[in-house]
Protein backbone atom coordinates (compact mmCIF):
# COMPACT_ATOMS: atom_id res chain seq x y z
CA MET A 1 102.13 -38.67 70.61
CA VAL A 2 99.90 -38.30 67.56
CA ILE A 3 101.17 -36.37 64.59
CA LYS A 4 98.54 -35.07 62.19
CA THR A 5 99.26 -34.89 58.53
CA LYS A 6 97.99 -32.13 56.26
CA ARG A 7 95.19 -34.39 54.99
CA GLU A 8 93.67 -34.77 58.48
CA ARG A 9 93.57 -31.06 59.31
CA GLY A 10 89.99 -30.37 58.22
CA ALA A 11 88.52 -33.71 59.34
CA ALA A 12 87.30 -32.37 62.69
CA LEU A 13 85.68 -29.38 61.00
CA ILE A 14 83.86 -31.59 58.50
CA GLU A 15 82.75 -34.00 61.24
CA SER A 16 81.39 -31.09 63.25
CA ALA A 17 79.64 -29.62 60.22
CA VAL A 18 77.85 -32.95 59.69
CA THR A 19 77.00 -33.86 63.28
CA ILE A 20 75.93 -30.51 64.77
CA PRO A 21 72.87 -30.06 62.51
CA ILE A 22 71.80 -33.65 63.22
CA ILE A 23 72.14 -33.15 66.98
CA LEU A 24 70.19 -29.88 66.78
CA LEU A 25 67.42 -31.50 64.74
CA VAL A 26 67.09 -34.35 67.24
CA SER A 27 67.03 -31.92 70.17
CA VAL A 28 64.41 -29.66 68.64
CA SER A 29 62.36 -32.70 67.58
CA ILE A 30 62.22 -33.82 71.19
CA PHE A 31 60.78 -30.42 72.14
CA ASP A 32 58.30 -30.55 69.25
CA PHE A 33 57.05 -34.01 70.24
CA GLY A 34 56.81 -32.78 73.84
CA ARG A 35 54.54 -29.97 72.66
CA ALA A 36 52.43 -32.50 70.75
CA TYR A 37 52.07 -34.70 73.84
CA GLN A 38 51.09 -31.68 75.95
CA ALA A 39 48.48 -30.67 73.36
CA TRP A 40 47.07 -34.20 73.36
CA GLN A 41 46.79 -34.11 77.16
CA VAL A 42 44.93 -30.79 77.00
CA LEU A 43 42.52 -32.24 74.41
CA THR A 44 41.90 -35.33 76.52
CA ASN A 45 41.12 -33.21 79.58
CA ALA A 46 38.95 -30.84 77.50
CA ALA A 47 36.91 -33.82 76.27
CA ARG A 48 36.45 -34.95 79.86
CA GLU A 49 35.39 -31.46 80.90
CA GLY A 50 32.90 -31.33 78.03
CA ALA A 51 31.53 -34.72 79.06
CA ARG A 52 31.12 -33.50 82.65
CA VAL A 53 29.15 -30.48 81.47
CA SER A 54 27.05 -32.48 78.99
CA ILE A 55 25.70 -34.95 81.57
CA ILE A 56 24.21 -32.19 83.69
CA ALA A 57 20.50 -31.78 83.00
CA GLY A 58 19.62 -28.49 81.36
CA LYS A 59 22.99 -27.78 79.75
CA THR A 60 22.83 -26.90 76.05
CA ASP A 61 25.14 -28.06 73.30
CA ASP A 62 26.58 -24.54 73.02
CA GLN A 63 27.45 -24.53 76.73
CA VAL A 64 29.28 -27.84 76.27
CA ARG A 65 31.22 -26.51 73.28
CA ASP A 66 32.06 -23.32 75.16
CA ALA A 67 33.39 -25.35 78.12
CA VAL A 68 35.61 -27.39 75.80
CA THR A 69 36.87 -24.30 73.96
CA GLN A 70 37.62 -22.50 77.23
CA TYR A 71 39.56 -25.51 78.50
CA VAL A 72 41.58 -25.77 75.28
CA THR A 73 42.46 -22.07 75.22
CA GLY A 74 43.18 -22.14 78.96
CA GLY A 75 45.58 -25.00 78.28
CA GLY A 76 47.64 -22.77 76.01
CA LEU A 77 46.43 -24.02 72.62
CA ALA A 78 45.47 -21.48 69.97
CA VAL A 79 42.08 -21.91 68.35
CA ASP A 80 41.99 -20.14 64.99
CA ALA A 81 41.85 -20.87 61.25
CA GLU A 82 45.33 -22.42 61.35
CA HIS A 83 44.51 -24.57 64.40
CA PRO A 84 40.82 -25.54 64.04
CA LEU A 85 38.89 -27.09 66.92
CA SER A 86 35.81 -29.22 66.39
CA VAL A 87 33.58 -30.63 69.12
CA ASN A 88 31.13 -33.43 68.31
CA LEU A 89 28.49 -34.13 70.94
CA GLU A 90 26.28 -37.23 71.17
CA ARG A 91 23.90 -36.96 74.11
CA SER A 92 22.17 -40.32 74.30
CA ILE A 93 24.25 -43.33 73.39
CA GLU A 94 23.74 -46.76 74.92
CA VAL A 95 26.51 -48.00 77.16
CA GLY A 96 25.36 -51.28 78.61
CA SER A 97 22.01 -50.57 80.24
CA ASN A 98 22.81 -46.88 80.78
CA ASN A 99 22.37 -43.73 78.76
CA ALA A 100 25.59 -41.76 78.22
CA SER A 101 27.06 -38.75 76.46
CA ARG A 102 30.08 -38.94 74.18
CA ILE A 103 32.26 -35.93 73.39
CA THR A 104 34.74 -36.10 70.51
CA VAL A 105 37.28 -33.28 70.28
CA ASN A 106 39.50 -32.80 67.20
CA TYR A 107 42.26 -30.20 66.94
CA GLY A 108 44.62 -29.20 64.14
CA PHE A 109 48.15 -29.36 65.61
CA LYS A 110 51.17 -28.06 63.70
CA PHE A 111 54.76 -28.96 64.42
CA ILE A 112 56.87 -25.80 64.62
CA VAL A 113 60.17 -27.27 63.40
CA LEU A 114 59.47 -30.72 61.98
CA GLY A 115 56.86 -29.51 59.47
CA PRO A 116 59.13 -26.98 57.75
CA VAL A 117 62.07 -29.40 57.84
CA MET A 118 59.98 -32.10 56.14
CA ARG A 119 58.91 -29.60 53.46
CA MET A 120 62.58 -28.69 52.86
CA VAL A 121 63.45 -32.35 52.40
CA ASN A 122 60.44 -33.17 50.21
CA ARG A 123 58.55 -30.25 48.68
CA SER A 124 55.49 -32.38 47.87
CA SER A 125 55.27 -33.67 51.46
CA ASP A 126 52.06 -32.94 53.36
CA GLN A 127 53.89 -33.35 56.69
CA GLY A 128 53.82 -29.59 57.29
CA ASN A 129 50.03 -29.52 57.28
CA ALA A 130 48.07 -29.59 60.51
CA LEU A 131 47.95 -32.97 62.19
CA SER A 132 44.46 -33.86 63.38
CA MET A 133 44.61 -34.82 67.06
CA GLY A 134 41.58 -36.21 68.76
CA ALA A 135 40.22 -37.26 72.13
CA VAL A 136 36.98 -38.94 73.19
CA ALA A 137 35.26 -38.99 76.57
CA VAL A 138 32.11 -40.93 77.54
CA MET A 139 30.14 -40.34 80.75
CA ARG A 140 26.85 -41.69 82.05
CA ASN A 141 23.99 -39.18 81.97
CA GLU A 142 22.32 -38.05 85.18
CA ASN A 143 18.68 -39.03 85.40
């Protein structure tokens, strides 16, 4: 049988007050990093889709950019001033003895929870700004 003294009465409350916010932060961080990984996967697939469109003869640069933008928005990512999307297209690069197209996609990703938490900890931190995520795809041109 354990007998608690008056000094130990509030220990459980203080321990809970310290550990619960830490557990919540870790849990929400896992979700935030999961969102970041999902966004990176969408960007990778959008770059591949843009590369597929770019190797087809007769497709314009605007059609390639539209295909990438449609894939990104279809993947659930917002494209606006807060989350900018840039698509860089190089149509004739040398890959070995072949001609290829390279698509580079960059996206401004913002963490929902971790950014504001970092700004609360350090006001001068730039961790709350958009993180530039990128993906590159290269495919051989059709002749």
